Amino acid sequence: VMCSYNKVNGTHACENEKLLKTLLREELGFKGYVVSDWGATHDAYNSAKAGLDVEMVGGPDDIFSKLPELVQAGKLTQEEVDEKVVRVLTAMYAVGQFDNT
């Protein structure tokens, strides 16, 4: 799923925990990963905590490059980052990207 750069109820979609965690994951049971639209990641901490897994790379803003600093500062746990990695790798595995073909 891709979150947009728009605000939903006053919060950027990629920083909206009610959207990404409560509705998408808990209520709808979504097991995949969430990627941002171009320019939709405004704050690394808020986006990561809200449930964003992957930032669409490119452009002048490379917000998720700050994740290691957030882990070192104790603001994010390594387990939170690992959950994001597992969701992405699981999707890749499911479509055969690790098959030797």
Protein backbone atom coordinates (compact mmCIF):
# COMPACT_ATOMS: atom_id res chain seq x y z
CA VAL A 1 0.00 0.00 0.00
CA MET A 2 1.22 3.52 -0.76
CA CYS A 3 0.46 6.40 1.56
CA SER A 4 0.07 9.83 0.03
CA TYR A 5 1.48 13.26 0.78
CA ASN A 6 -2.00 14.59 1.62
CA LYS A 7 -3.22 15.18 5.15
CA VAL A 8 -6.03 13.09 6.61
CA ASN A 9 -7.83 14.75 9.52
CA GLY A 10 -4.91 17.18 9.89
CA THR A 11 -2.12 14.56 9.90
CA HIS A 12 0.06 13.63 6.93
CA ALA A 13 -1.12 10.25 5.61
CA CYS A 14 2.32 8.66 6.05
CA GLU A 15 2.40 9.83 9.68
CA ASN A 16 -1.18 8.84 10.48
CA GLU A 17 -1.18 5.99 12.99
CA LYS A 18 -4.97 5.71 12.92
CA LEU A 19 -4.80 5.08 9.19
CA LEU A 20 -1.70 2.88 8.97
CA LYS A 21 -1.88 0.85 12.16
CA THR A 22 -5.41 0.98 13.52
CA LEU A 23 -7.43 0.82 10.29
CA LEU A 24 -5.07 -0.86 7.83
CA ARG A 25 -3.29 -3.40 10.01
CA GLU A 26 -5.57 -4.03 12.98
CA GLU A 27 -9.07 -3.59 11.56
CA LEU A 28 -8.44 -4.74 7.97
CA GLY A 29 -5.71 -7.26 8.78
CA PHE A 30 -3.23 -5.99 6.16
CA LYS A 31 0.02 -7.99 6.39
CA GLY A 32 2.02 -6.28 3.62
CA TYR A 33 4.22 -3.22 3.74
CA VAL A 34 3.48 0.49 3.39
CA VAL A 35 5.57 2.66 1.07
CA SER A 36 5.40 6.42 0.84
CA ASP A 37 4.51 8.38 -2.26
CA TRP A 38 7.16 10.76 -3.65
CA GLY A 39 7.66 13.57 -1.15
CA ALA A 40 5.16 12.11 1.31
CA THR A 41 7.60 11.45 4.16
CA HIS A 42 7.87 14.60 6.25
CA ASP A 43 9.27 13.26 9.54
CA ALA A 44 11.25 10.04 9.97
CA TYR A 45 10.23 9.42 13.58
CA ASN A 46 6.52 10.14 13.14
CA SER A 47 6.30 8.13 9.93
CA ALA A 48 8.16 5.13 11.33
CA LYS A 49 6.11 5.09 14.53
CA ALA A 50 2.86 5.45 12.56
CA GLY A 51 3.57 2.39 10.44
CA LEU A 52 5.43 3.50 7.32
CA ASP A 53 7.82 0.73 6.26
CA VAL A 54 9.59 2.13 3.18
CA GLU A 55 10.25 5.65 2.01
CA MET A 56 10.12 6.15 -1.76
CA VAL A 57 13.68 7.23 -2.43
CA GLY A 58 14.82 10.09 -4.57
CA GLY A 59 14.70 13.83 -4.48
CA PRO A 60 16.25 16.17 -1.96
CA ASP A 61 14.49 14.64 1.06
CA ASP A 62 15.89 11.32 2.22
CA ILE A 63 14.02 11.27 5.51
CA PHE A 64 14.34 7.56 6.36
CA SER A 65 18.13 7.80 6.24
CA LYS A 66 17.68 9.13 9.79
CA LEU A 67 16.39 5.78 11.12
CA PRO A 68 19.81 4.57 12.36
CA GLU A 69 20.20 7.82 14.33
CA LEU A 70 16.73 7.36 15.83
CA VAL A 71 17.62 3.81 16.91
CA GLN A 72 20.93 4.98 18.42
CA ALA A 73 19.09 7.75 20.29
CA GLY A 74 16.60 5.24 21.68
CA LYS A 75 13.61 6.84 19.93
CA LEU A 76 12.99 3.75 17.79
CA THR A 77 13.81 0.20 18.78
CA GLN A 78 15.71 -2.23 16.59
CA GLU A 79 12.64 -4.48 16.84
CA GLU A 80 10.50 -1.77 15.22
CA VAL A 81 12.94 -1.53 12.32
CA ASP A 82 13.16 -5.33 12.07
CA GLU A 83 9.35 -5.56 11.75
CA LYS A 84 9.54 -3.25 8.73
CA VAL A 85 12.29 -5.35 7.17
CA VAL A 86 10.33 -8.57 7.71
CA ARG A 87 7.25 -7.13 5.98
CA VAL A 88 9.27 -6.08 2.93
CA LEU A 89 11.28 -9.32 2.69
CA THR A 90 8.11 -11.40 3.13
CA ALA A 91 6.50 -9.64 0.17
CA MET A 92 9.62 -10.16 -1.92
CA TYR A 93 9.72 -13.85 -1.01
CA ALA A 94 6.02 -14.26 -1.81
CA VAL A 95 6.54 -13.10 -5.40
CA GLY A 96 9.63 -15.26 -5.95
CA GLN A 97 12.36 -12.64 -5.84
CA PHE A 98 14.62 -15.04 -3.95
CA ASP A 99 14.12 -17.94 -6.35
CA ASN A 100 17.19 -18.76 -8.40
CA THR A 101 15.50 -18.23 -11.73
